[in-house]
C-alpha atoms as a PDB file:
ATOM      1  CA  UNK A   1     117.669  66.443 227.910  1.00  0.00           C
ATOM      2  CA  UNK A   2     118.288  70.142 227.385  1.00  0.00           C
ATOM      3  CA  UNK A   3     119.409  73.371 228.986  1.00  0.00           C
ATOM      4  CA  UNK A   4     117.941  74.590 232.244  1.00  0.00           C
ATOM      5  CA  UNK A   5     118.550  77.330 234.777  1.00  0.00           C
ATOM      6  CA  UNK A   6     119.951  76.625 238.206  1.00  0.00           C
ATOM      7  CA  UNK A   7     119.666  79.958 239.963  1.00  0.00           C
ATOM      8  CA  UNK A   8     121.025  82.419 237.427  1.00  0.00           C
ATOM      9  CA  UNK A   9     123.360  79.929 235.684  1.00  0.00           C
ATOM     10  CA  UNK A  10     122.631  77.674 232.720  1.00  0.00           C
ATOM     11  CA  UNK A  11     123.262  73.922 232.914  1.00  0.00           C
ATOM     12  CA  UNK A  12     122.931  71.168 230.351  1.00  0.00           C
ATOM     13  CA  UNK A  13     121.462  67.713 230.911  1.00  0.00           C
ATOM     14  CA  UNK A  14     121.731  64.711 228.577  1.00  0.00           C
ATOM     15  CA  UNK A  15     121.128  61.003 228.998  1.00  0.00           C
ATOM     16  CA  UNK A  16     123.086  58.374 227.030  1.00  0.00           C
ATOM     17  CA  UNK A  17     122.506  54.648 227.601  1.00  0.00           C
ATOM     18  CA  UNK A  18     120.671  55.467 230.855  1.00  0.00           C
ATOM     19  CA  UNK A  19     123.667  57.458 232.072  1.00  0.00           C
ATOM     20  CA  UNK A  20     122.695  60.950 233.183  1.00  0.00           C
ATOM     21  CA  UNK A  21     125.111  63.814 232.465  1.00  0.00           C
ATOM     22  CA  UNK A  22     124.693  67.286 234.009  1.00  0.00           C
ATOM     23  CA  UNK A  23     127.274  69.876 232.981  1.00  0.00           C
ATOM     24  CA  UNK A  24     127.465  73.613 233.713  1.00  0.00           C
ATOM     25  CA  UNK A  25     127.428  75.676 230.538  1.00  0.00           C
ATOM     26  CA  UNK A  26     129.242  78.572 232.252  1.00  0.00           C
ATOM     27  CA  UNK A  27     126.674  81.024 230.910  1.00  0.00           C
ATOM     28  CA  UNK A  28     124.435  83.143 233.103  1.00  0.00           C
ATOM     29  CA  UNK A  29     120.955  84.446 232.572  1.00  0.00           C
ATOM     30  CA  UNK A  30     121.073  87.113 229.880  1.00  0.00           C
ATOM     31  CA  UNK A  31     123.619  85.267 227.699  1.00  0.00           C
ATOM     32  CA  UNK A  32     121.026  83.203 225.834  1.00  0.00           C
ATOM     33  CA  UNK A  33     122.434  84.282 222.447  1.00  0.00           C
ATOM     34  CA  UNK A  34     125.451  82.043 223.113  1.00  0.00           C
ATOM     35  CA  UNK A  35     123.397  79.136 224.385  1.00  0.00           C
ATOM     36  CA  UNK A  36     123.012  77.067 221.194  1.00  0.00           C
ATOM     37  CA  UNK A  37     126.736  77.192 220.359  1.00  0.00           C
ATOM     38  CA  UNK A  38     127.709  76.192 223.906  1.00  0.00           C
ATOM     39  CA  UNK A  39     125.154  73.353 223.954  1.00  0.00           C
ATOM     40  CA  UNK A  40     126.649  72.016 220.706  1.00  0.00           C
ATOM     41  CA  UNK A  41     130.122  72.192 222.241  1.00  0.00           C
ATOM     42  CA  UNK A  42     129.013  70.374 225.404  1.00  0.00           C
ATOM     43  CA  UNK A  43     127.077  67.801 223.363  1.00  0.00           C
ATOM     44  CA  UNK A  44     130.252  66.901 221.446  1.00  0.00           C
ATOM     45  CA  UNK A  45     132.208  66.671 224.705  1.00  0.00           C
ATOM     46  CA  UNK A  46     129.638  64.404 226.386  1.00  0.00           C
ATOM     47  CA  UNK A  47     129.461  62.101 223.336  1.00  0.00           C
ATOM     48  CA  UNK A  48     133.267  61.910 223.102  1.00  0.00           C
ATOM     49  CA  UNK A  49     133.619  61.197 226.849  1.00  0.00           C
ATOM     50  CA  UNK A  50     130.882  58.554 226.900  1.00  0.00           C
ATOM     51  CA  UNK A  51     132.111  56.576 223.897  1.00  0.00           C
ATOM     52  CA  UNK A  52     135.817  57.163 224.427  1.00  0.00           C
ATOM     53  CA  UNK A  53     136.178  59.224 221.235  1.00  0.00           C
ATOM     54  CA  UNK A  54     138.750  61.962 220.678  1.00  0.00           C
ATOM     55  CA  UNK A  55     137.370  65.365 221.596  1.00  0.00           C
ATOM     56  CA  UNK A  56     137.219  67.667 218.551  1.00  0.00           C
ATOM     57  CA  UNK A  57     139.570  70.633 218.626  1.00  0.00           C
ATOM     58  CA  UNK A  58     137.476  73.744 219.289  1.00  0.00           C
ATOM     59  CA  UNK A  59     140.274  76.254 218.696  1.00  0.00           C
ATOM     60  CA  UNK A  60     141.771  75.636 215.227  1.00  0.00           C
ATOM     61  CA  UNK A  61     140.621  78.461 212.977  1.00  0.00           C
ATOM     62  CA  UNK A  62     139.929  78.280 209.249  1.00  0.00           C
ATOM     63  CA  UNK A  63     143.017  80.325 208.335  1.00  0.00           C
ATOM     64  CA  UNK A  64     145.242  77.986 210.367  1.00  0.00           C
ATOM     65  CA  UNK A  65     143.782  74.819 208.926  1.00  0.00           C
ATOM     66  CA  UNK A  66     143.874  76.100 205.329  1.00  0.00           C
ATOM     67  CA  UNK A  67     147.671  76.332 205.609  1.00  0.00           C
ATOM     68  CA  UNK A  68     147.853  72.760 206.902  1.00  0.00           C
ATOM     69  CA  UNK A  69     145.453  71.580 204.194  1.00  0.00           C
ATOM     70  CA  UNK A  70     147.463  73.147 201.351  1.00  0.00           C
ATOM     71  CA  UNK A  71     150.657  71.660 202.730  1.00  0.00           C
ATOM     72  CA  UNK A  72     148.951  68.270 202.901  1.00  0.00           C
ATOM     73  CA  UNK A  73     147.829  68.604 199.264  1.00  0.00           C
ATOM     74  CA  UNK A  74     151.111  69.991 197.920  1.00  0.00           C
ATOM     75  CA  UNK A  75     151.307  67.151 195.360  1.00  0.00           C
ATOM     76  CA  UNK A  76     148.064  68.166 193.601  1.00  0.00           C
ATOM     77  CA  UNK A  77     148.336  69.647 190.115  1.00  0.00           C
ATOM     78  CA  UNK A  78     145.380  71.878 190.932  1.00  0.00           C
ATOM     79  CA  UNK A  79     147.027  73.271 194.091  1.00  0.00           C
ATOM     80  CA  UNK A  80     147.238  76.828 192.691  1.00  0.00           C
ATOM     81  CA  UNK A  81     143.568  76.775 191.793  1.00  0.00           C
ATOM     82  CA  UNK A  82     142.628  75.363 195.214  1.00  0.00           C
ATOM     83  CA  UNK A  83     144.696  78.065 196.910  1.00  0.00           C
ATOM     84  CA  UNK A  84     142.950  80.778 194.892  1.00  0.00           C
ATOM     85  CA  UNK A  85     139.526  79.381 195.752  1.00  0.00           C
ATOM     86  CA  UNK A  86     140.354  79.073 199.442  1.00  0.00           C
ATOM     87  CA  UNK A  87     141.532  82.711 199.440  1.00  0.00           C
ATOM     88  CA  UNK A  88     138.157  83.665 197.992  1.00  0.00           C
ATOM     89  CA  UNK A  89     136.310  81.610 200.631  1.00  0.00           C
ATOM     90  CA  UNK A  90     138.300  83.229 203.444  1.00  0.00           C
ATOM     91  CA  UNK A  91     137.348  86.659 202.103  1.00  0.00           C
ATOM     92  CA  UNK A  92     133.668  85.706 202.325  1.00  0.00           C
ATOM     93  CA  UNK A  93     133.700  83.946 205.705  1.00  0.00           C
ATOM     94  CA  UNK A  94     134.740  85.264 209.131  1.00  0.00           C
ATOM     95  CA  UNK A  95     137.831  83.506 210.470  1.00  0.00           C
ATOM     96  CA  UNK A  96     136.210  81.171 212.998  1.00  0.00           C
ATOM     97  CA  UNK A  97     137.213  77.881 214.618  1.00  0.00           C
ATOM     98  CA  UNK A  98     136.205  75.134 212.176  1.00  0.00           C
ATOM     99  CA  UNK A  99     133.683  73.697 214.626  1.00  0.00           C
ATOM    100  CA  UNK A 100     131.684  76.933 214.559  1.00  0.00           C
ATOM    101  CA  UNK A 101     130.820  76.943 210.860  1.00  0.00           C
ATOM    102  CA  UNK A 102     127.154  76.314 210.173  1.00  0.00           C
ATOM    103  CA  UNK A 103     124.744  76.096 207.279  1.00  0.00           C
ATOM    104  CA  UNK A 104     124.358  79.874 207.246  1.00  0.00           C
ATOM    105  CA  UNK A 105     128.020  80.221 206.276  1.00  0.00           C
ATOM    106  CA  UNK A 106     127.534  77.749 203.423  1.00  0.00           C
ATOM    107  CA  UNK A 107     124.508  79.730 202.236  1.00  0.00           C
ATOM    108  CA  UNK A 108     126.510  82.980 202.374  1.00  0.00           C
ATOM    109  CA  UNK A 109     129.293  81.456 200.279  1.00  0.00           C
ATOM    110  CA  UNK A 110     126.866  80.071 197.715  1.00  0.00           C
ATOM    111  CA  UNK A 111     125.075  83.415 197.474  1.00  0.00           C
ATOM    112  CA  UNK A 112     128.350  85.273 196.930  1.00  0.00           C
ATOM    113  CA  UNK A 113     129.534  82.833 194.259  1.00  0.00           C
ATOM    114  CA  UNK A 114     126.271  83.146 192.362  1.00  0.00           C
ATOM    115  CA  UNK A 115     126.348  86.926 192.782  1.00  0.00           C
ATOM    116  CA  UNK A 116     129.762  87.011 191.115  1.00  0.00           C
ATOM    117  CA  UNK A 117     128.245  85.322 188.075  1.00  0.00           C
ATOM    118  CA  UNK A 118     129.888  81.917 188.476  1.00  0.00           C
ATOM    119  CA  UNK A 119     128.225  79.009 186.736  1.00  0.00           C
ATOM    120  CA  UNK A 120     126.584  76.141 188.678  1.00  0.00           C
ATOM    121  CA  UNK A 121     129.459  73.799 187.814  1.00  0.00           C
ATOM    122  CA  UNK A 122     131.994  76.255 189.270  1.00  0.00           C
ATOM    123  CA  UNK A 123     129.887  76.756 192.410  1.00  0.00           C
ATOM    124  CA  UNK A 124     129.892  72.973 192.801  1.00  0.00           C
ATOM    125  CA  UNK A 125     133.696  72.891 192.560  1.00  0.00           C
ATOM    126  CA  UNK A 126     134.002  75.447 195.366  1.00  0.00           C
ATOM    127  CA  UNK A 127     131.603  73.494 197.563  1.00  0.00           C
ATOM    128  CA  UNK A 128     133.401  70.224 196.833  1.00  0.00           C
ATOM    129  CA  UNK A 129     136.654  71.826 197.928  1.00  0.00           C
ATOM    130  CA  UNK A 130     135.103  73.030 201.195  1.00  0.00           C
ATOM    131  CA  UNK A 131     133.546  69.619 201.837  1.00  0.00           C
ATOM    132  CA  UNK A 132     136.895  67.916 201.291  1.00  0.00           C
ATOM    133  CA  UNK A 133     138.663  70.383 203.588  1.00  0.00           C
ATOM    134  CA  UNK A 134     136.148  69.665 206.358  1.00  0.00           C
ATOM    135  CA  UNK A 135     136.466  65.899 205.779  1.00  0.00           C
ATOM    136  CA  UNK A 136     140.232  66.211 206.226  1.00  0.00           C
ATOM    137  CA  UNK A 137     139.604  68.137 209.451  1.00  0.00           C
ATOM    138  CA  UNK A 138     137.445  65.229 210.647  1.00  0.00           C
ATOM    139  CA  UNK A 139     140.277  62.799 209.855  1.00  0.00           C
ATOM    140  CA  UNK A 140     142.631  65.033 211.849  1.00  0.00           C
ATOM    141  CA  UNK A 141     140.286  65.027 214.860  1.00  0.00           C
ATOM    142  CA  UNK A 142     139.429  68.728 214.571  1.00  0.00           C
ATOM    143  CA  UNK A 143     135.758  68.221 213.641  1.00  0.00           C
ATOM    144  CA  UNK A 144     133.166  65.635 214.599  1.00  0.00           C
ATOM    145  CA  UNK A 145     130.934  66.154 211.560  1.00  0.00           C
ATOM    146  CA  UNK A 146     130.929  67.948 208.226  1.00  0.00           C
ATOM    147  CA  UNK A 147     128.624  70.991 207.970  1.00  0.00           C
ATOM    148  CA  UNK A 148     128.426  70.338 204.207  1.00  0.00           C
ATOM    149  CA  UNK A 149     127.524  66.658 204.542  1.00  0.00           C
ATOM    150  CA  UNK A 150     123.974  67.210 203.287  1.00  0.00           C
ATOM    151  CA  UNK A 151     124.681  69.927 200.713  1.00  0.00           C
ATOM    152  CA  UNK A 152     122.813  69.413 197.433  1.00  0.00           C
ATOM    153  CA  UNK A 153     124.969  70.390 194.427  1.00  0.00           C
ATOM    154  CA  UNK A 154     123.541  72.131 191.395  1.00  0.00           C
ATOM    155  CA  UNK A 155     122.591  70.181 188.311  1.00  0.00           C
ATOM    156  CA  UNK A 156     125.379  70.963 185.866  1.00  0.00           C
ATOM    157  CA  UNK A 157     125.010  71.803 182.229  1.00  0.00           C
ATOM    158  CA  UNK A 158     127.512  69.456 180.636  1.00  0.00           C
ATOM    159  CA  UNK A 159     127.272  71.040 177.194  1.00  0.00           C
ATOM    160  CA  UNK A 160     130.322  72.917 175.967  1.00  0.00           C
ATOM    161  CA  UNK A 161     130.576  74.555 172.611  1.00  0.00           C
ATOM    162  CA  UNK A 162     133.035  76.019 170.180  1.00  0.00           C
ATOM    163  CA  UNK A 163     133.016  79.653 169.101  1.00  0.00           C
ATOM    164  CA  UNK A 164     131.621  80.556 165.707  1.00  0.00           C
ATOM    165  CA  UNK A 165     133.769  82.605 163.315  1.00  0.00           C
ATOM    166  CA  UNK A 166     131.915  85.856 164.069  1.00  0.00           C
ATOM    167  CA  UNK A 167     132.276  85.187 167.810  1.00  0.00           C
ATOM    168  CA  UNK A 168     136.042  84.688 167.418  1.00  0.00           C
ATOM    169  CA  UNK A 169     136.247  88.070 165.699  1.00  0.00           C
ATOM    170  CA  UNK A 170     134.138  89.721 168.414  1.00  0.00           C
ATOM    171  CA  UNK A 171     136.246  88.213 171.202  1.00  0.00           C
ATOM    172  CA  UNK A 172     139.521  89.409 169.674  1.00  0.00           C
ATOM    173  CA  UNK A 173     138.049  92.841 168.930  1.00  0.00           C
ATOM    174  CA  UNK A 174     137.280  93.153 172.655  1.00  0.00           C
ATOM    175  CA  UNK A 175     140.993  92.854 173.459  1.00  0.00           C
ATOM    176  CA  UNK A 176     141.860  96.396 172.280  1.00  0.00           C
ATOM    177  CA  UNK A 177     140.085  98.245 175.146  1.00  0.00           C
ATOM    178  CA  UNK A 178     141.407  95.615 177.563  1.00  0.00           C
ATOM    179  CA  UNK A 179     144.979  96.351 176.462  1.00  0.00           C
ATOM    180  CA  UNK A 180     144.447 100.014 177.334  1.00  0.00           C
ATOM    181  CA  UNK A 181     143.015  99.270 180.793  1.00  0.00           C
ATOM    182  CA  UNK A 182     145.740  99.498 183.435  1.00  0.00           C
ATOM    183  CA  UNK A 183     143.723  97.647 186.074  1.00  0.00           C
ATOM    184  CA  UNK A 184     144.478  94.353 184.302  1.00  0.00           C
ATOM    185  CA  UNK A 185     148.203  94.752 184.921  1.00  0.00           C
ATOM    186  CA  UNK A 186     151.006  93.542 182.673  1.00  0.00           C
ATOM    187  CA  UNK A 187     149.055  90.514 181.429  1.00  0.00           C
ATOM    188  CA  UNK A 188     146.908  92.833 179.278  1.00  0.00           C
ATOM    189  CA  UNK A 189     149.846  93.211 176.871  1.00  0.00           C
ATOM    190  CA  UNK A 190     150.134  89.420 176.463  1.00  0.00           C
ATOM    191  CA  UNK A 191     146.475  88.421 176.476  1.00  0.00           C
ATOM    192  CA  UNK A 192     146.129  88.495 172.681  1.00  0.00           C
ATOM    193  CA  UNK A 193     149.169  86.272 172.188  1.00  0.00           C
ATOM    194  CA  UNK A 194     147.998  83.886 174.932  1.00  0.00           C
ATOM    195  CA  UNK A 195     144.560  83.549 173.340  1.00  0.00           C
ATOM    196  CA  UNK A 196     145.906  83.291 169.805  1.00  0.00           C
ATOM    197  CA  UNK A 197     148.348  80.594 170.904  1.00  0.00           C
ATOM    198  CA  UNK A 198     145.535  78.671 172.607  1.00  0.00           C
ATOM    199  CA  UNK A 199     143.361  78.936 169.517  1.00  0.00           C
ATOM    200  CA  UNK A 200     145.969  77.557 167.124  1.00  0.00           C
ATOM    201  CA  UNK A 201     147.403  74.845 169.400  1.00  0.00           C
ATOM    202  CA  UNK A 202     144.416  73.746 171.474  1.00  0.00           C
ATOM    203  CA  UNK A 203     146.589  73.934 174.592  1.00  0.00           C
ATOM    204  CA  UNK A 204     145.172  74.503 178.051  1.00  0.00           C
ATOM    205  CA  UNK A 205     145.840  77.821 179.780  1.00  0.00           C
ATOM    206  CA  UNK A 206     147.992  76.189 182.482  1.00  0.00           C
ATOM    207  CA  UNK A 207     150.107  74.486 179.800  1.00  0.00           C
ATOM    208  CA  UNK A 208     150.640  77.769 177.949  1.00  0.00           C
ATOM    209  CA  UNK A 209     151.538  79.767 181.046  1.00  0.00           C
ATOM    210  CA  UNK A 210     154.153  77.198 182.053  1.00  0.00           C
ATOM    211  CA  UNK A 211     155.555  76.528 178.572  1.00  0.00           C
ATOM    212  CA  UNK A 212     159.363  76.614 178.486  1.00  0.00           C
ATOM    213  CA  UNK A 213     161.744  77.074 175.566  1.00  0.00           C
ATOM    214  CA  UNK A 214     163.486  73.772 176.326  1.00  0.00           C
ATOM    215  CA  UNK A 215     160.164  71.986 175.603  1.00  0.00           C
ATOM    216  CA  UNK A 216     160.074  73.355 172.030  1.00  0.00           C
ATOM    217  CA  UNK A 217     161.904  71.455 169.284  1.00  0.00           C
ATOM    218  CA  UNK A 218     161.608  72.976 165.813  1.00  0.00           C
ATOM    219  CA  UNK A 219     157.847  72.973 165.127  1.00  0.00           C
ATOM    220  CA  UNK A 220     156.805  70.690 167.982  1.00  0.00           C
ATOM    221  CA  UNK A 221     156.299  70.928 171.729  1.00  0.00           C
ATOM    222  CA  UNK A 222     157.047  67.927 173.939  1.00  0.00           C
ATOM    223  CA  UNK A 223     155.193  68.263 177.231  1.00  0.00           C
ATOM    224  CA  UNK A 224     155.883  65.671 179.952  1.00  0.00           C
ATOM    225  CA  UNK A 225     152.717  63.706 180.677  1.00  0.00           C
ATOM    226  CA  UNK A 226     152.978  64.678 184.346  1.00  0.00           C
ATOM    227  CA  UNK A 227     152.501  68.311 183.267  1.00  0.00           C
ATOM    228  CA  UNK A 228     149.167  67.658 181.560  1.00  0.00           C
ATOM    229  CA  UNK A 229     145.736  66.478 182.586  1.00  0.00           C
ATOM    230  CA  UNK A 230     145.865  63.636 180.077  1.00  0.00           C
ATOM    231  CA  UNK A 231     147.719  61.317 182.441  1.00  0.00           C
ATOM    232  CA  UNK A 232     145.092  59.568 184.557  1.00  0.00           C
ATOM    233  CA  UNK A 233     146.121  58.735 188.100  1.00  0.00           C
ATOM    234  CA  UNK A 234     147.112  55.089 188.359  1.00  0.00           C
ATOM    235  CA  UNK A 235     146.555  54.439 184.643  1.00  0.00           C
ATOM    236  CA  UNK A 236     149.368  52.608 182.836  1.00  0.00           C
ATOM    237  CA  UNK A 237     150.858  54.508 179.935  1.00  0.00           C
ATOM    238  CA  UNK A 238     153.850  53.978 177.666  1.00  0.00           C
ATOM    239  CA  UNK A 239     153.622  57.543 176.393  1.00  0.00           C
ATOM    240  CA  UNK A 240     155.913  59.860 178.351  1.00  0.00           C
ATOM    241  CA  UNK A 241     155.296  63.049 176.377  1.00  0.00           C
ATOM    242  CA  UNK A 242     152.369  64.825 174.824  1.00  0.00           C
ATOM    243  CA  UNK A 243     153.431  66.048 171.363  1.00  0.00           C
ATOM    244  CA  UNK A 244     151.944  69.306 170.090  1.00  0.00           C
ATOM    245  CA  UNK A 245     152.702  70.501 166.567  1.00  0.00           C
ATOM    246  CA  UNK A 246     152.963  74.219 165.845  1.00  0.00           C
ATOM    247  CA  UNK A 247     151.586  76.107 162.873  1.00  0.00           C
ATOM    248  CA  UNK A 248     153.456  79.136 161.490  1.00  0.00           C
ATOM    249  CA  UNK A 249     151.156  81.497 163.377  1.00  0.00           C
ATOM    250  CA  UNK A 250     152.036  79.775 166.676  1.00  0.00           C
ATOM    251  CA  UNK A 251     155.752  79.912 165.869  1.00  0.00           C
ATOM    252  CA  UNK A 252     155.296  83.628 165.175  1.00  0.00           C
ATOM    253  CA  UNK A 253     153.772  84.155 168.614  1.00  0.00           C
ATOM    254  CA  UNK A 254     156.769  82.425 170.215  1.00  0.00           C
ATOM    255  CA  UNK A 255     159.275  84.386 168.122  1.00  0.00           C
ATOM    256  CA  UNK A 256     157.955  87.770 169.207  1.00  0.00           C
ATOM    257  CA  UNK A 257     158.170  87.046 172.933  1.00  0.00           C
ATOM    258  CA  UNK A 258     161.091  88.719 174.742  1.00  0.00           C
ATOM    259  CA  UNK A 259     163.740  86.453 176.207  1.00  0.00           C
ATOM    260  CA  UNK A 260     163.191  85.552 179.851  1.00  0.00           C
ATOM    261  CA  UNK A 261     165.787  84.666 182.477  1.00  0.00           C
ATOM    262  CA  UNK A 262     163.712  81.777 183.832  1.00  0.00           C
ATOM    263  CA  UNK A 263     163.320  80.067 180.442  1.00  0.00           C
ATOM    264  CA  UNK A 264     159.549  80.480 180.127  1.00  0.00           C
ATOM    265  CA  UNK A 265     158.138  81.489 176.749  1.00  0.00           C
ATOM    266  CA  UNK A 266     155.733  84.118 178.099  1.00  0.00           C
ATOM    267  CA  UNK A 267     157.230  86.794 180.348  1.00  0.00           C
ATOM    268  CA  UNK A 268     154.860  86.822 183.296  1.00  0.00           C
ATOM    269  CA  UNK A 269     155.545  87.453 186.965  1.00  0.00           C
ATOM    270  CA  UNK A 270     152.527  85.349 187.920  1.00  0.00           C
ATOM    271  CA  UNK A 271     151.610  82.037 186.239  1.00  0.00           C
ATOM    272  CA  UNK A 272     148.347  81.390 188.022  1.00  0.00           C
ATOM    273  CA  UNK A 273     145.466  80.471 185.638  1.00  0.00           C
ATOM    274  CA  UNK A 274     143.342  82.957 187.563  1.00  0.00           C
ATOM    275  CA  UNK A 275     145.088  85.831 185.766  1.00  0.00           C
ATOM    276  CA  UNK A 276     142.468  85.419 183.008  1.00  0.00           C
ATOM    277  CA  UNK A 277     139.443  85.451 185.324  1.00  0.00           C
ATOM    278  CA  UNK A 278     138.563  89.160 185.194  1.00  0.00           C
ATOM    279  CA  UNK A 279     139.783  89.565 181.632  1.00  0.00           C
ATOM    280  CA  UNK A 280     137.455  86.753 180.496  1.00  0.00           C
ATOM    281  CA  UNK A 281     134.602  88.406 182.382  1.00  0.00           C
ATOM    282  CA  UNK A 282     135.301  91.711 180.590  1.00  0.00           C
ATOM    283  CA  UNK A 283     135.529  89.937 177.223  1.00  0.00           C
ATOM    284  CA  UNK A 284     132.049  88.514 177.814  1.00  0.00           C
ATOM    285  CA  UNK A 285     130.713  91.996 178.512  1.00  0.00           C
ATOM    286  CA  UNK A 286     132.422  93.713 175.550  1.00  0.00           C
ATOM    287  CA  UNK A 287     132.020  91.001 172.913  1.00  0.00           C
ATOM    288  CA  UNK A 288     128.469  89.888 173.659  1.00  0.00           C
ATOM    289  CA  UNK A 289     129.665  86.264 173.811  1.00  0.00           C
ATOM    290  CA  UNK A 290     128.111  85.727 177.230  1.00  0.00           C
ATOM    291  CA  UNK A 291     129.441  82.195 177.782  1.00  0.00           C
ATOM    292  CA  UNK A 292     133.030  82.881 176.731  1.00  0.00           C
ATOM    293  CA  UNK A 293     135.789  81.192 178.718  1.00  0.00           C
ATOM    294  CA  UNK A 294     139.453  80.740 177.895  1.00  0.00           C
ATOM    295  CA  UNK A 295     138.834  76.993 177.677  1.00  0.00           C
ATOM    296  CA  UNK A 296     136.341  77.644 174.868  1.00  0.00           C
ATOM    297  CA  UNK A 297     139.382  78.336 172.659  1.00  0.00           C
ATOM    298  CA  UNK A 298     140.472  74.716 173.106  1.00  0.00           C
ATOM    299  CA  UNK A 299     137.022  73.461 172.115  1.00  0.00           C
ATOM    300  CA  UNK A 300     137.082  75.781 169.107  1.00  0.00           C
ATOM    301  CA  UNK A 301     140.462  74.452 167.948  1.00  0.00           C
ATOM    302  CA  UNK A 302     139.188  70.882 168.332  1.00  0.00           C
ATOM    303  CA  UNK A 303     136.057  71.613 166.298  1.00  0.00           C
ATOM    304  CA  UNK A 304     137.957  73.281 163.455  1.00  0.00           C
ATOM    305  CA  UNK A 305     140.536  70.482 163.254  1.00  0.00           C
ATOM    306  CA  UNK A 306     137.961  67.682 163.328  1.00  0.00           C
ATOM    307  CA  UNK A 307     135.861  69.420 160.646  1.00  0.00           C
ATOM    308  CA  UNK A 308     138.894  69.687 158.354  1.00  0.00           C
ATOM    309  CA  UNK A 309     140.586  66.376 159.163  1.00  0.00           C
ATOM    310  CA  UNK A 310     139.312  63.684 161.532  1.00  0.00           C
ATOM    311  CA  UNK A 311     138.281  63.278 165.138  1.00  0.00           C
ATOM    312  CA  UNK A 312     141.260  61.009 165.655  1.00  0.00           C
ATOM    313  CA  UNK A 313     143.600  63.745 164.453  1.00  0.00           C
ATOM    314  CA  UNK A 314     141.934  66.225 166.780  1.00  0.00           C
ATOM    315  CA  UNK A 315     142.482  63.753 169.615  1.00  0.00           C
ATOM    316  CA  UNK A 316     146.191  63.520 168.751  1.00  0.00           C
ATOM    317  CA  UNK A 317     146.622  67.296 168.423  1.00  0.00           C
ATOM    318  CA  UNK A 318     144.876  68.046 171.714  1.00  0.00           C
ATOM    319  CA  UNK A 319     146.434  65.160 173.617  1.00  0.00           C
ATOM    320  CA  UNK A 320     143.199  63.643 174.907  1.00  0.00           C
ATOM    321  CA  UNK A 321     143.590  60.325 176.716  1.00  0.00           C
ATOM    322  CA  UNK A 322     140.661  58.732 174.883  1.00  0.00           C
ATOM    323  CA  UNK A 323     137.773  59.596 172.583  1.00  0.00           C
ATOM    324  CA  UNK A 324     135.543  56.679 171.494  1.00  0.00           C
ATOM    325  CA  UNK A 325     136.196  53.007 171.050  1.00  0.00           C
ATOM    326  CA  UNK A 326     136.145  53.220 167.245  1.00  0.00           C
ATOM    327  CA  UNK A 327     138.902  55.819 167.284  1.00  0.00           C
ATOM    328  CA  UNK A 328     141.321  53.394 168.941  1.00  0.00           C
ATOM    329  CA  UNK A 329     141.923  51.896 165.501  1.00  0.00           C
ATOM    330  CA  UNK A 330     142.989  55.195 163.914  1.00  0.00           C
ATOM    331  CA  UNK A 331     146.561  56.359 164.407  1.00  0.00           C
ATOM    332  CA  UNK A 332     147.276  59.717 162.748  1.00  0.00           C
ATOM    333  CA  UNK A 333     150.947  60.400 162.177  1.00  0.00           C
ATOM    334  CA  UNK A 334     152.951  63.515 162.872  1.00  0.00           C
ATOM    335  CA  UNK A 335     152.724  64.658 159.229  1.00  0.00           C
ATOM    336  CA  UNK A 336     148.926  64.590 159.368  1.00  0.00           C
ATOM    337  CA  UNK A 337     149.038  66.591 162.602  1.00  0.00           C
ATOM    338  CA  UNK A 338     151.289  69.174 160.928  1.00  0.00           C
ATOM    339  CA  UNK A 339     148.855  69.470 158.018  1.00  0.00           C
ATOM    340  CA  UNK A 340     145.928  69.899 160.422  1.00  0.00           C
ATOM    341  CA  UNK A 341     147.472  72.628 162.546  1.00  0.00           C
ATOM    342  CA  UNK A 342     148.616  74.388 159.370  1.00  0.00           C
ATOM    343  CA  UNK A 343     144.994  74.502 158.181  1.00  0.00           C
ATOM    344  CA  UNK A 344     143.941  75.644 161.636  1.00  0.00           C
ATOM    345  CA  UNK A 345     146.533  78.433 161.636  1.00  0.00           C
ATOM    346  CA  UNK A 346     145.459  79.608 158.182  1.00  0.00           C
ATOM    347  CA  UNK A 347     141.820  79.658 159.248  1.00  0.00           C
ATOM    348  CA  UNK A 348     142.490  81.661 162.437  1.00  0.00           C
ATOM    349  CA  UNK A 349     144.869  84.149 160.797  1.00  0.00           C
ATOM    350  CA  UNK A 350     142.152  84.830 158.225  1.00  0.00           C
ATOM    351  CA  UNK A 351     139.824  85.787 161.074  1.00  0.00           C
ATOM    352  CA  UNK A 352     142.004  87.725 163.505  1.00  0.00           C
ATOM    353  CA  UNK A 353     145.384  88.104 161.808  1.00  0.00           C
ATOM    354  CA  UNK A 354     148.747  87.076 163.203  1.00  0.00           C
END
């Protein structure tokens, strides 16, 4: 088994179940740099022919398959995030046929992700996305095996924390130079309101960016469960809406937003959660809070509420699907939620103003 020269041309020989295959590689002496890739291609062809398997497509490029993959996954709530990550991956990798990607490309991607300061958990999410894309390509008959099949993910640090009062002040103080920096685009004028709203409601960034006026009723927001992460796939639920109560400071944020033609609360031309990526990175640099993320605001709101009321109330305010078994017997009402977010709003306005 292996490649050998016949005159000045390379051939490949392989034996399967005592059947001898000899195939010309169509490479001549002096083209040895292409030998390993061509042997892999011929190996796949011989195996497919011998066992009657479909021959993997050797021509579909990454850019072509990414389009098909995103169309296939159009139902996913995280489609925008997947699209952003796949754009990043395509910037790092050359646009090759899927069958030509090797471990070296995976190493290059991992090195670039780490070089950009992404945490191990985020690197894992990128690699999981790539692995799933390649698995779909296998299902579609484009690949015979996944180049990420044996990838070892990083051990993730599962600890998340809330911001201390002095860190909240430092983070909001860092927003002034950001507002003056034109490279952040129009979102720099809204970033303070977005962060303040997240801090006093505990809402996720995606929920805030897509918040509409018709979802607001007096001092409450009614978000359809399909628009949140709280609805587990396949899990039965009688609750159709996630109810979020608004403190005065949150109502003030809404009131000062200009009216939009599309009905959204925040006037943005782009509602991709990635709009906060570089701003969050700059906040970390300017504030000294080196682990700051936008999602930390949600954890901070939860911590403040639970310290002033109860964990069960925090669960109701934030719309979590579950907390602990003992909390299933506690059912905070809407009045208690209003009292909690009012305390939260007072606490935050004392730190950063309205």
